[in-house]
mmCIF file of all heavy atoms, coordinates in Angstrom:
data_MODEL
# 
_entry.id   MODEL 
# 
loop_
_atom_site.group_PDB 
_atom_site.id 
_atom_site.type_symbol 
_atom_site.label_atom_id 
_atom_site.label_alt_id 
_atom_site.label_comp_id 
_atom_site.label_asym_id 
_atom_site.label_entity_id 
_atom_site.label_seq_id 
_atom_site.pdbx_PDB_ins_code 
_atom_site.Cartn_x 
_atom_site.Cartn_y 
_atom_site.Cartn_z 
_atom_site.occupancy 
_atom_site.B_iso_or_equiv 
_atom_site.pdbx_formal_charge 
_atom_site.auth_seq_id 
_atom_site.auth_comp_id 
_atom_site.auth_asym_id 
_atom_site.auth_atom_id 
_atom_site.pdbx_PDB_model_num 
ATOM 1   N N   . PRO A 1 1  ? -12.923 11.938  18.013  1.00 0.00 ? 1  PRO A N   1 
ATOM 2   C CA  . PRO A 1 1  ? -12.229 11.275  16.894  1.00 0.00 ? 1  PRO A CA  1 
ATOM 3   C C   . PRO A 1 1  ? -10.904 11.950  16.578  1.00 0.00 ? 1  PRO A C   1 
ATOM 4   O O   . PRO A 1 1  ? -10.717 13.144  16.824  1.00 0.00 ? 1  PRO A O   1 
ATOM 5   C CB  . PRO A 1 1  ? -13.217 11.407  15.732  1.00 0.00 ? 1  PRO A CB  1 
ATOM 6   C CG  . PRO A 1 1  ? -14.140 12.523  16.111  1.00 0.00 ? 1  PRO A CG  1 
ATOM 7   C CD  . PRO A 1 1  ? -14.209 12.524  17.600  1.00 0.00 ? 1  PRO A CD  1 
ATOM 8   N N   . HIS A 1 2  ? -9.983  11.192  16.015  1.00 0.00 ? 2  HIS A N   1 
ATOM 9   C CA  . HIS A 1 2  ? -8.666  11.727  15.657  1.00 0.00 ? 2  HIS A CA  1 
ATOM 10  C C   . HIS A 1 2  ? -8.720  12.604  14.412  1.00 0.00 ? 2  HIS A C   1 
ATOM 11  O O   . HIS A 1 2  ? -7.853  13.464  14.228  1.00 0.00 ? 2  HIS A O   1 
ATOM 12  C CB  . HIS A 1 2  ? -7.680  10.578  15.426  1.00 0.00 ? 2  HIS A CB  1 
ATOM 13  C CG  . HIS A 1 2  ? -7.365  9.778   16.658  1.00 0.00 ? 2  HIS A CG  1 
ATOM 14  N ND1 . HIS A 1 2  ? -6.972  10.357  17.827  1.00 0.00 ? 2  HIS A ND1 1 
ATOM 15  C CD2 . HIS A 1 2  ? -7.372  8.429   16.877  1.00 0.00 ? 2  HIS A CD2 1 
ATOM 16  C CE1 . HIS A 1 2  ? -6.754  9.407   18.744  1.00 0.00 ? 2  HIS A CE1 1 
ATOM 17  N NE2 . HIS A 1 2  ? -6.996  8.234   18.181  1.00 0.00 ? 2  HIS A NE2 1 
ATOM 18  N N   . ASN A 1 3  ? -9.710  12.367  13.547  1.00 0.00 ? 3  ASN A N   1 
ATOM 19  C CA  . ASN A 1 3  ? -9.864  13.164  12.319  1.00 0.00 ? 3  ASN A CA  1 
ATOM 20  C C   . ASN A 1 3  ? -8.584  13.193  11.479  1.00 0.00 ? 3  ASN A C   1 
ATOM 21  O O   . ASN A 1 3  ? -8.105  14.250  11.077  1.00 0.00 ? 3  ASN A O   1 
ATOM 22  C CB  . ASN A 1 3  ? -10.318 14.590  12.653  1.00 0.00 ? 3  ASN A CB  1 
ATOM 23  C CG  . ASN A 1 3  ? -11.765 14.634  13.114  1.00 0.00 ? 3  ASN A CG  1 
ATOM 24  O OD1 . ASN A 1 3  ? -12.600 13.893  12.603  1.00 0.00 ? 3  ASN A OD1 1 
ATOM 25  N ND2 . ASN A 1 3  ? -12.054 15.475  14.097  1.00 0.00 ? 3  ASN A ND2 1 
ATOM 26  N N   . ILE A 1 4  ? -8.041  12.027  11.231  1.00 0.00 ? 4  ILE A N   1 
ATOM 27  C CA  . ILE A 1 4  ? -6.853  11.911  10.377  1.00 0.00 ? 4  ILE A CA  1 
ATOM 28  C C   . ILE A 1 4  ? -7.288  12.103  8.925   1.00 0.00 ? 4  ILE A C   1 
ATOM 29  O O   . ILE A 1 4  ? -8.145  11.382  8.428   1.00 0.00 ? 4  ILE A O   1 
ATOM 30  C CB  . ILE A 1 4  ? -6.180  10.541  10.568  1.00 0.00 ? 4  ILE A CB  1 
ATOM 31  C CG1 . ILE A 1 4  ? -5.746  10.377  12.030  1.00 0.00 ? 4  ILE A CG1 1 
ATOM 32  C CG2 . ILE A 1 4  ? -4.985  10.387  9.625   1.00 0.00 ? 4  ILE A CG2 1 
ATOM 33  C CD1 . ILE A 1 4  ? -5.347  8.956   12.390  1.00 0.00 ? 4  ILE A CD1 1 
ATOM 34  N N   . LYS A 1 5  ? -6.688  13.052  8.247   1.00 0.00 ? 5  LYS A N   1 
ATOM 35  C CA  . LYS A 1 5  ? -7.163  13.447  6.924   1.00 0.00 ? 5  LYS A CA  1 
ATOM 36  C C   . LYS A 1 5  ? -6.384  12.836  5.759   1.00 0.00 ? 5  LYS A C   1 
ATOM 37  O O   . LYS A 1 5  ? -6.842  12.890  4.619   1.00 0.00 ? 5  LYS A O   1 
ATOM 38  C CB  . LYS A 1 5  ? -7.124  14.982  6.793   1.00 0.00 ? 5  LYS A CB  1 
ATOM 39  C CG  . LYS A 1 5  ? -8.039  15.700  7.775   1.00 0.00 ? 5  LYS A CG  1 
ATOM 40  C CD  . LYS A 1 5  ? -9.487  15.246  7.631   1.00 0.00 ? 5  LYS A CD  1 
ATOM 41  C CE  . LYS A 1 5  ? -10.406 15.999  8.566   1.00 0.00 ? 5  LYS A CE  1 
ATOM 42  N NZ  . LYS A 1 5  ? -11.805 15.466  8.524   1.00 0.00 ? 5  LYS A NZ  1 
ATOM 43  N N   . LEU A 1 6  ? -5.216  12.272  6.027   1.00 0.00 ? 6  LEU A N   1 
ATOM 44  C CA  . LEU A 1 6  ? -4.363  11.778  4.947   1.00 0.00 ? 6  LEU A CA  1 
ATOM 45  C C   . LEU A 1 6  ? -3.972  10.331  5.214   1.00 0.00 ? 6  LEU A C   1 
ATOM 46  O O   . LEU A 1 6  ? -3.440  10.019  6.291   1.00 0.00 ? 6  LEU A O   1 
ATOM 47  C CB  . LEU A 1 6  ? -3.119  12.666  4.840   1.00 0.00 ? 6  LEU A CB  1 
ATOM 48  C CG  . LEU A 1 6  ? -2.211  12.474  3.631   1.00 0.00 ? 6  LEU A CG  1 
ATOM 49  C CD1 . LEU A 1 6  ? -2.966  12.734  2.331   1.00 0.00 ? 6  LEU A CD1 1 
ATOM 50  C CD2 . LEU A 1 6  ? -1.013  13.414  3.731   1.00 0.00 ? 6  LEU A CD2 1 
ATOM 51  N N   . TRP A 1 7  ? -4.197  9.450   4.229   1.00 0.00 ? 7  TRP A N   1 
ATOM 52  C CA  . TRP A 1 7  ? -4.014  8.013   4.417   1.00 0.00 ? 7  TRP A CA  1 
ATOM 53  C C   . TRP A 1 7  ? -3.222  7.417   3.251   1.00 0.00 ? 7  TRP A C   1 
ATOM 54  O O   . TRP A 1 7  ? -3.556  7.624   2.089   1.00 0.00 ? 7  TRP A O   1 
ATOM 55  C CB  . TRP A 1 7  ? -5.374  7.311   4.509   1.00 0.00 ? 7  TRP A CB  1 
ATOM 56  C CG  . TRP A 1 7  ? -6.165  7.713   5.718   1.00 0.00 ? 7  TRP A CG  1 
ATOM 57  C CD1 . TRP A 1 7  ? -6.859  8.885   5.896   1.00 0.00 ? 7  TRP A CD1 1 
ATOM 58  C CD2 . TRP A 1 7  ? -6.332  6.948   6.924   1.00 0.00 ? 7  TRP A CD2 1 
ATOM 59  N NE1 . TRP A 1 7  ? -7.457  8.889   7.132   1.00 0.00 ? 7  TRP A NE1 1 
ATOM 60  C CE2 . TRP A 1 7  ? -7.158  7.720   7.783   1.00 0.00 ? 7  TRP A CE2 1 
ATOM 61  C CE3 . TRP A 1 7  ? -5.877  5.697   7.343   1.00 0.00 ? 7  TRP A CE3 1 
ATOM 62  C CZ2 . TRP A 1 7  ? -7.528  7.270   9.053   1.00 0.00 ? 7  TRP A CZ2 1 
ATOM 63  C CZ3 . TRP A 1 7  ? -6.252  5.239   8.603   1.00 0.00 ? 7  TRP A CZ3 1 
ATOM 64  C CH2 . TRP A 1 7  ? -7.063  6.025   9.453   1.00 0.00 ? 7  TRP A CH2 1 
ATOM 65  N N   . CYS A 1 8  ? -2.169  6.661   3.584   1.00 0.00 ? 8  CYS A N   1 
ATOM 66  C CA  . CYS A 1 8  ? -1.364  5.937   2.589   1.00 0.00 ? 8  CYS A CA  1 
ATOM 67  C C   . CYS A 1 8  ? -1.977  4.564   2.336   1.00 0.00 ? 8  CYS A C   1 
ATOM 68  O O   . CYS A 1 8  ? -2.252  3.822   3.297   1.00 0.00 ? 8  CYS A O   1 
ATOM 69  C CB  . CYS A 1 8  ? 0.067   5.750   3.077   1.00 0.00 ? 8  CYS A CB  1 
ATOM 70  S SG  . CYS A 1 8  ? 0.976   7.269   3.355   1.00 0.00 ? 8  CYS A SG  1 
ATOM 71  N N   . LEU A 1 9  ? -2.133  4.222   1.073   1.00 0.00 ? 9  LEU A N   1 
ATOM 72  C CA  . LEU A 1 9  ? -2.713  2.928   0.703   1.00 0.00 ? 9  LEU A CA  1 
ATOM 73  C C   . LEU A 1 9  ? -1.601  1.899   0.567   1.00 0.00 ? 9  LEU A C   1 
ATOM 74  O O   . LEU A 1 9  ? -1.205  1.494   -0.526  1.00 0.00 ? 9  LEU A O   1 
ATOM 75  C CB  . LEU A 1 9  ? -3.503  3.075   -0.600  1.00 0.00 ? 9  LEU A CB  1 
ATOM 76  C CG  . LEU A 1 9  ? -4.645  4.106   -0.553  1.00 0.00 ? 9  LEU A CG  1 
ATOM 77  C CD1 . LEU A 1 9  ? -5.220  4.334   -1.949  1.00 0.00 ? 9  LEU A CD1 1 
ATOM 78  C CD2 . LEU A 1 9  ? -5.738  3.657   0.416   1.00 0.00 ? 9  LEU A CD2 1 
ATOM 79  N N   . GLY A 1 10 ? -1.066  1.466   1.719   1.00 0.00 ? 10 GLY A N   1 
ATOM 80  C CA  . GLY A 1 10 ? 0.027   0.508   1.727   1.00 0.00 ? 10 GLY A CA  1 
ATOM 81  C C   . GLY A 1 10 ? 1.377   1.179   1.573   1.00 0.00 ? 10 GLY A C   1 
ATOM 82  O O   . GLY A 1 10 ? 1.508   2.397   1.694   1.00 0.00 ? 10 GLY A O   1 
ATOM 83  N N   . ASN A 1 11 ? 2.387   0.367   1.283   1.00 0.00 ? 11 ASN A N   1 
ATOM 84  C CA  . ASN A 1 11 ? 3.757   0.854   1.165   1.00 0.00 ? 11 ASN A CA  1 
ATOM 85  C C   . ASN A 1 11 ? 4.543   -0.010  0.190   1.00 0.00 ? 11 ASN A C   1 
ATOM 86  O O   . ASN A 1 11 ? 4.570   -1.236  0.325   1.00 0.00 ? 11 ASN A O   1 
ATOM 87  C CB  . ASN A 1 11 ? 4.447   0.803   2.540   1.00 0.00 ? 11 ASN A CB  1 
ATOM 88  C CG  . ASN A 1 11 ? 5.913   1.175   2.462   1.00 0.00 ? 11 ASN A CG  1 
ATOM 89  O OD1 . ASN A 1 11 ? 6.260   2.344   2.329   1.00 0.00 ? 11 ASN A OD1 1 
ATOM 90  N ND2 . ASN A 1 11 ? 6.798   0.182   2.528   1.00 0.00 ? 11 ASN A ND2 1 
ATOM 91  N N   . GLU A 1 12 ? 5.163   0.630   -0.810  1.00 0.00 ? 12 GLU A N   1 
ATOM 92  C CA  . GLU A 1 12 ? 6.093   -0.039  -1.737  1.00 0.00 ? 12 GLU A CA  1 
ATOM 93  C C   . GLU A 1 12 ? 5.598   -1.414  -2.175  1.00 0.00 ? 12 GLU A C   1 
ATOM 94  O O   . GLU A 1 12 ? 6.321   -2.415  -2.102  1.00 0.00 ? 12 GLU A O   1 
ATOM 95  C CB  . GLU A 1 12 ? 7.485   -0.140  -1.101  1.00 0.00 ? 12 GLU A CB  1 
ATOM 96  C CG  . GLU A 1 12 ? 8.124   1.221   -0.872  1.00 0.00 ? 12 GLU A CG  1 
ATOM 97  C CD  . GLU A 1 12 ? 9.543   1.139   -0.322  1.00 0.00 ? 12 GLU A CD  1 
ATOM 98  O OE1 . GLU A 1 12 ? 10.022  0.017   -0.042  1.00 0.00 ? 12 GLU A OE1 1 
ATOM 99  O OE2 . GLU A 1 12 ? 10.182  2.199   -0.170  1.00 0.00 ? 12 GLU A OE2 1 
ATOM 100 N N   . MET A 1 13 ? 4.367   -1.457  -2.641  1.00 0.00 ? 13 MET A N   1 
ATOM 101 C CA  . MET A 1 13 ? 3.753   -2.754  -2.933  1.00 0.00 ? 13 MET A CA  1 
ATOM 102 C C   . MET A 1 13 ? 4.348   -3.447  -4.147  1.00 0.00 ? 13 MET A C   1 
ATOM 103 O O   . MET A 1 13 ? 4.055   -4.613  -4.408  1.00 0.00 ? 13 MET A O   1 
ATOM 104 C CB  . MET A 1 13 ? 2.241   -2.582  -3.117  1.00 0.00 ? 13 MET A CB  1 
ATOM 105 C CG  . MET A 1 13 ? 1.506   -2.065  -1.871  1.00 0.00 ? 13 MET A CG  1 
ATOM 106 S SD  . MET A 1 13 ? 1.873   -2.969  -0.355  1.00 0.00 ? 13 MET A SD  1 
ATOM 107 C CE  . MET A 1 13 ? 1.385   -4.613  -0.800  1.00 0.00 ? 13 MET A CE  1 
ATOM 108 N N   . ASP A 1 14 ? 5.225   -2.774  -4.897  1.00 0.00 ? 14 ASP A N   1 
ATOM 109 C CA  . ASP A 1 14 ? 5.904   -3.412  -6.025  1.00 0.00 ? 14 ASP A CA  1 
ATOM 110 C C   . ASP A 1 14 ? 7.144   -4.176  -5.596  1.00 0.00 ? 14 ASP A C   1 
ATOM 111 O O   . ASP A 1 14 ? 7.714   -4.939  -6.383  1.00 0.00 ? 14 ASP A O   1 
ATOM 112 C CB  . ASP A 1 14 ? 6.302   -2.359  -7.056  1.00 0.00 ? 14 ASP A CB  1 
ATOM 113 C CG  . ASP A 1 14 ? 7.334   -1.375  -6.503  1.00 0.00 ? 14 ASP A CG  1 
ATOM 114 O OD1 . ASP A 1 14 ? 7.240   -1.014  -5.312  1.00 0.00 ? 14 ASP A OD1 1 
ATOM 115 O OD2 . ASP A 1 14 ? 8.233   -0.965  -7.265  1.00 0.00 ? 14 ASP A OD2 1 
ATOM 116 N N   . GLY A 1 15 ? 7.609   -3.973  -4.358  1.00 0.00 ? 15 GLY A N   1 
ATOM 117 C CA  . GLY A 1 15 ? 8.892   -4.534  -3.913  1.00 0.00 ? 15 GLY A CA  1 
ATOM 118 C C   . GLY A 1 15 ? 8.803   -5.995  -3.515  1.00 0.00 ? 15 GLY A C   1 
ATOM 119 O O   . GLY A 1 15 ? 7.922   -6.391  -2.746  1.00 0.00 ? 15 GLY A O   1 
ATOM 120 N N   . ARG A 1 16 ? 9.726   -6.799  -3.989  1.00 0.00 ? 16 ARG A N   1 
ATOM 121 C CA  . ARG A 1 16 ? 9.710   -8.226  -3.662  1.00 0.00 ? 16 ARG A CA  1 
ATOM 122 C C   . ARG A 1 16 ? 9.951   -8.461  -2.175  1.00 0.00 ? 16 ARG A C   1 
ATOM 123 O O   . ARG A 1 16 ? 9.640   -9.533  -1.640  1.00 0.00 ? 16 ARG A O   1 
ATOM 124 C CB  . ARG A 1 16 ? 10.753  -8.976  -4.498  1.00 0.00 ? 16 ARG A CB  1 
ATOM 125 C CG  . ARG A 1 16 ? 12.191  -8.571  -4.221  1.00 0.00 ? 16 ARG A CG  1 
ATOM 126 C CD  . ARG A 1 16 ? 13.173  -9.261  -5.157  1.00 0.00 ? 16 ARG A CD  1 
ATOM 127 N NE  . ARG A 1 16 ? 14.559  -8.920  -4.845  1.00 0.00 ? 16 ARG A NE  1 
ATOM 128 C CZ  . ARG A 1 16 ? 15.164  -7.807  -5.218  1.00 0.00 ? 16 ARG A CZ  1 
ATOM 129 N NH1 . ARG A 1 16 ? 14.493  -6.905  -5.932  1.00 0.00 ? 16 ARG A NH1 1 
ATOM 130 N NH2 . ARG A 1 16 ? 16.424  -7.567  -4.890  1.00 0.00 ? 16 ARG A NH2 1 
ATOM 131 N N   . TRP A 1 17 ? 10.563  -7.477  -1.480  1.00 0.00 ? 17 TRP A N   1 
ATOM 132 C CA  . TRP A 1 17 ? 10.832  -7.565  -0.043  1.00 0.00 ? 17 TRP A CA  1 
ATOM 133 C C   . TRP A 1 17 ? 9.580   -7.276  0.786   1.00 0.00 ? 17 TRP A C   1 
ATOM 134 O O   . TRP A 1 17 ? 9.582   -7.442  1.992   1.00 0.00 ? 17 TRP A O   1 
ATOM 135 C CB  . TRP A 1 17 ? 11.914  -6.559  0.348   1.00 0.00 ? 17 TRP A CB  1 
ATOM 136 C CG  . TRP A 1 17 ? 11.529  -5.149  -0.024  1.00 0.00 ? 17 TRP A CG  1 
ATOM 137 C CD1 . TRP A 1 17 ? 10.798  -4.256  0.722   1.00 0.00 ? 17 TRP A CD1 1 
ATOM 138 C CD2 . TRP A 1 17 ? 11.807  -4.506  -1.249  1.00 0.00 ? 17 TRP A CD2 1 
ATOM 139 N NE1 . TRP A 1 17 ? 10.604  -3.099  0.023   1.00 0.00 ? 17 TRP A NE1 1 
ATOM 140 C CE2 . TRP A 1 17 ? 11.221  -3.215  -1.192  1.00 0.00 ? 17 TRP A CE2 1 
ATOM 141 C CE3 . TRP A 1 17 ? 12.507  -4.882  -2.412  1.00 0.00 ? 17 TRP A CE3 1 
ATOM 142 C CZ2 . TRP A 1 17 ? 11.307  -2.307  -2.260  1.00 0.00 ? 17 TRP A CZ2 1 
ATOM 143 C CZ3 . TRP A 1 17 ? 12.585  -3.965  -3.455  1.00 0.00 ? 17 TRP A CZ3 1 
ATOM 144 C CH2 . TRP A 1 17 ? 12.000  -2.700  -3.370  1.00 0.00 ? 17 TRP A CH2 1 
ATOM 145 N N   . GLN A 1 18 ? 8.526   -6.814  0.127   1.00 0.00 ? 18 GLN A N   1 
ATOM 146 C CA  . GLN A 1 18 ? 7.329   -6.374  0.839   1.00 0.00 ? 18 GLN A CA  1 
ATOM 147 C C   . GLN A 1 18 ? 6.422   -7.546  1.137   1.00 0.00 ? 18 GLN A C   1 
ATOM 148 O O   . GLN A 1 18 ? 6.166   -8.395  0.270   1.00 0.00 ? 18 GLN A O   1 
ATOM 149 C CB  . GLN A 1 18 ? 6.564   -5.347  -0.010  1.00 0.00 ? 18 GLN A CB  1 
ATOM 150 C CG  . GLN A 1 18 ? 5.675   -4.430  0.796   1.00 0.00 ? 18 GLN A CG  1 
ATOM 151 C CD  . GLN A 1 18 ? 6.476   -3.455  1.616   1.00 0.00 ? 18 GLN A CD  1 
ATOM 152 O OE1 . GLN A 1 18 ? 6.064   -3.079  2.697   1.00 0.00 ? 18 GLN A OE1 1 
ATOM 153 N NE2 . GLN A 1 18 ? 7.635   -3.061  1.117   1.00 0.00 ? 18 GLN A NE2 1 
ATOM 154 N N   . MET A 1 19 ? 5.918   -7.626  2.373   1.00 0.00 ? 19 MET A N   1 
ATOM 155 C CA  . MET A 1 19 ? 4.910   -8.635  2.693   1.00 0.00 ? 19 MET A CA  1 
ATOM 156 C C   . MET A 1 19 ? 3.664   -8.378  1.854   1.00 0.00 ? 19 MET A C   1 
ATOM 157 O O   . MET A 1 19 ? 3.132   -7.267  1.841   1.00 0.00 ? 19 MET A O   1 
ATOM 158 C CB  . MET A 1 19 ? 4.565   -8.570  4.185   1.00 0.00 ? 19 MET A CB  1 
ATOM 159 C CG  . MET A 1 19 ? 5.668   -9.060  5.100   1.00 0.00 ? 19 MET A CG  1 
ATOM 160 S SD  . MET A 1 19 ? 5.244   -8.898  6.859   1.00 0.00 ? 19 MET A SD  1 
ATOM 161 C CE  . MET A 1 19 ? 5.655   -7.175  7.141   1.00 0.00 ? 19 MET A CE  1 
ATOM 162 N N   . GLY A 1 20 ? 3.219   -9.381  1.134   1.00 0.00 ? 20 GLY A N   1 
ATOM 163 C CA  . GLY A 1 20 ? 2.036   -9.216  0.295   1.00 0.00 ? 20 GLY A CA  1 
ATOM 164 C C   . GLY A 1 20 ? 2.278   -8.416  -0.962  1.00 0.00 ? 20 GLY A C   1 
ATOM 165 O O   . GLY A 1 20 ? 1.366   -7.750  -1.462  1.00 0.00 ? 20 GLY A O   1 
ATOM 166 N N   . ALA A 1 21 ? 3.508   -8.459  -1.494  1.00 0.00 ? 21 ALA A N   1 
ATOM 167 C CA  . ALA A 1 21 ? 3.816   -7.727  -2.730  1.00 0.00 ? 21 ALA A CA  1 
ATOM 168 C C   . ALA A 1 21 ? 2.846   -8.119  -3.845  1.00 0.00 ? 21 ALA A C   1 
ATOM 169 O O   . ALA A 1 21 ? 2.367   -9.253  -3.900  1.00 0.00 ? 21 ALA A O   1 
ATOM 170 C CB  . ALA A 1 21 ? 5.253   -8.019  -3.153  1.00 0.00 ? 21 ALA A CB  1 
ATOM 171 N N   . LYS A 1 22 ? 2.593   -7.165  -4.743  1.00 0.00 ? 22 LYS A N   1 
ATOM 172 C CA  . LYS A 1 22 ? 1.567   -7.378  -5.756  1.00 0.00 ? 22 LYS A CA  1 
ATOM 173 C C   . LYS A 1 22 ? 2.032   -6.883  -7.116  1.00 0.00 ? 22 LYS A C   1 
ATOM 174 O O   . LYS A 1 22 ? 2.982   -6.097  -7.223  1.00 0.00 ? 22 LYS A O   1 
ATOM 175 C CB  . LYS A 1 22 ? 0.286   -6.652  -5.341  1.00 0.00 ? 22 LYS A CB  1 
ATOM 176 C CG  . LYS A 1 22 ? -0.373  -7.249  -4.099  1.00 0.00 ? 22 LYS A CG  1 
ATOM 177 C CD  . LYS A 1 22 ? -1.485  -6.395  -3.575  1.00 0.00 ? 22 LYS A CD  1 
ATOM 178 C CE  . LYS A 1 22 ? -2.216  -7.127  -2.440  1.00 0.00 ? 22 LYS A CE  1 
ATOM 179 N NZ  . LYS A 1 22 ? -1.316  -7.456  -1.311  1.00 0.00 ? 22 LYS A NZ  1 
ATOM 180 N N   . THR A 1 23 ? 1.346   -7.333  -8.150  1.00 0.00 ? 23 THR A N   1 
ATOM 181 C CA  . THR A 1 23 ? 1.538   -6.738  -9.471  1.00 0.00 ? 23 THR A CA  1 
ATOM 182 C C   . THR A 1 23 ? 0.812   -5.398  -9.495  1.00 0.00 ? 23 THR A C   1 
ATOM 183 O O   . THR A 1 23 ? -0.014  -5.100  -8.620  1.00 0.00 ? 23 THR A O   1 
ATOM 184 C CB  . THR A 1 23 ? 0.966   -7.634  -10.570 1.00 0.00 ? 23 THR A CB  1 
ATOM 185 O OG1 . THR A 1 23 ? -0.468  -7.690  -10.418 1.00 0.00 ? 23 THR A OG1 1 
ATOM 186 C CG2 . THR A 1 23 ? 1.547   -9.048  -10.499 1.00 0.00 ? 23 THR A CG2 1 
ATOM 187 N N   . ALA A 1 24 ? 1.092   -4.590  -10.502 1.00 0.00 ? 24 ALA A N   1 
ATOM 188 C CA  . ALA A 1 24 ? 0.441   -3.290  -10.605 1.00 0.00 ? 24 ALA A CA  1 
ATOM 189 C C   . ALA A 1 24 ? -1.075  -3.429  -10.717 1.00 0.00 ? 24 ALA A C   1 
ATOM 190 O O   . ALA A 1 24 ? -1.834  -2.643  -10.127 1.00 0.00 ? 24 ALA A O   1 
ATOM 191 C CB  . ALA A 1 24 ? 0.989   -2.530  -11.812 1.00 0.00 ? 24 ALA A CB  1 
ATOM 192 N N   . THR A 1 25 ? -1.531  -4.430  -11.444 1.00 0.00 ? 25 THR A N   1 
ATOM 193 C CA  . THR A 1 25 ? -2.970  -4.635  -11.598 1.00 0.00 ? 25 THR A CA  1 
ATOM 194 C C   . THR A 1 25 ? -3.606  -5.091  -10.294 1.00 0.00 ? 25 THR A C   1 
ATOM 195 O O   . THR A 1 25 ? -4.665  -4.587  -9.893  1.00 0.00 ? 25 THR A O   1 
ATOM 196 C CB  . THR A 1 25 ? -3.253  -5.656  -12.709 1.00 0.00 ? 25 THR A CB  1 
ATOM 197 O OG1 . THR A 1 25 ? -2.733  -5.152  -13.945 1.00 0.00 ? 25 THR A OG1 1 
ATOM 198 C CG2 . THR A 1 25 ? -4.747  -5.914  -12.849 1.00 0.00 ? 25 THR A CG2 1 
ATOM 199 N N   . GLU A 1 26 ? -2.952  -6.047  -9.613  1.00 0.00 ? 26 GLU A N   1 
ATOM 200 C CA  . GLU A 1 26 ? -3.472  -6.507  -8.321  1.00 0.00 ? 26 GLU A CA  1 
ATOM 201 C C   . GLU A 1 26 ? -3.552  -5.355  -7.325  1.00 0.00 ? 26 GLU A C   1 
ATOM 202 O O   . GLU A 1 26 ? -4.568  -5.182  -6.638  1.00 0.00 ? 26 GLU A O   1 
ATOM 203 C CB  . GLU A 1 26 ? -2.571  -7.604  -7.763  1.00 0.00 ? 26 GLU A CB  1 
ATOM 204 C CG  . GLU A 1 26 ? -2.634  -8.920  -8.504  1.00 0.00 ? 26 GLU A CG  1 
ATOM 205 C CD  . GLU A 1 26 ? -1.559  -9.890  -8.070  1.00 0.00 ? 26 GLU A CD  1 
ATOM 206 O OE1 . GLU A 1 26 ? -0.531  -9.451  -7.490  1.00 0.00 ? 26 GLU A OE1 1 
ATOM 207 O OE2 . GLU A 1 26 ? -1.734  -11.098 -8.318  1.00 0.00 ? 26 GLU A OE2 1 
ATOM 208 N N   . TYR A 1 27 ? -2.481  -4.582  -7.280  1.00 0.00 ? 27 TYR A N   1 
ATOM 209 C CA  . TYR A 1 27 ? -2.460  -3.476  -6.324  1.00 0.00 ? 27 TYR A CA  1 
ATOM 210 C C   . TYR A 1 27 ? -3.463  -2.394  -6.716  1.00 0.00 ? 27 TYR A C   1 
ATOM 211 O O   . TYR A 1 27 ? -4.178  -1.854  -5.861  1.00 0.00 ? 27 TYR A O   1 
ATOM 212 C CB  . TYR A 1 27 ? -1.063  -2.866  -6.222  1.00 0.00 ? 27 TYR A CB  1 
ATOM 213 C CG  . TYR A 1 27 ? -1.088  -1.599  -5.394  1.00 0.00 ? 27 TYR A CG  1 
ATOM 214 C CD1 . TYR A 1 27 ? -1.335  -1.649  -4.023  1.00 0.00 ? 27 TYR A CD1 1 
ATOM 215 C CD2 . TYR A 1 27 ? -0.944  -0.351  -5.997  1.00 0.00 ? 27 TYR A CD2 1 
ATOM 216 C CE1 . TYR A 1 27 ? -1.422  -0.486  -3.271  1.00 0.00 ? 27 TYR A CE1 1 
ATOM 217 C CE2 . TYR A 1 27 ? -1.023  0.818   -5.253  1.00 0.00 ? 27 TYR A CE2 1 
ATOM 218 C CZ  . TYR A 1 27 ? -1.255  0.743   -3.876  1.00 0.00 ? 27 TYR A CZ  1 
ATOM 219 O OH  . TYR A 1 27 ? -1.351  1.900   -3.135  1.00 0.00 ? 27 TYR A OH  1 
ATOM 220 N N   . GLY A 1 28 ? -3.540  -2.067  -7.986  1.00 0.00 ? 28 GLY A N   1 
ATOM 221 C CA  . GLY A 1 28 ? -4.474  -1.034  -8.428  1.00 0.00 ? 28 GLY A CA  1 
ATOM 222 C C   . GLY A 1 28 ? -5.902  -1.366  -8.055  1.00 0.00 ? 28 GLY A C   1 
ATOM 223 O O   . GLY A 1 28 ? -6.659  -0.499  -7.582  1.00 0.00 ? 28 GLY A O   1 
# 
């Protein structure tokens, strides 16, 4: 296994340019 220890939960999800952008509540 790669044993990757650190994971980002998406990227810039507040940005209108982002695919699948969300409100803070939706993203939370």
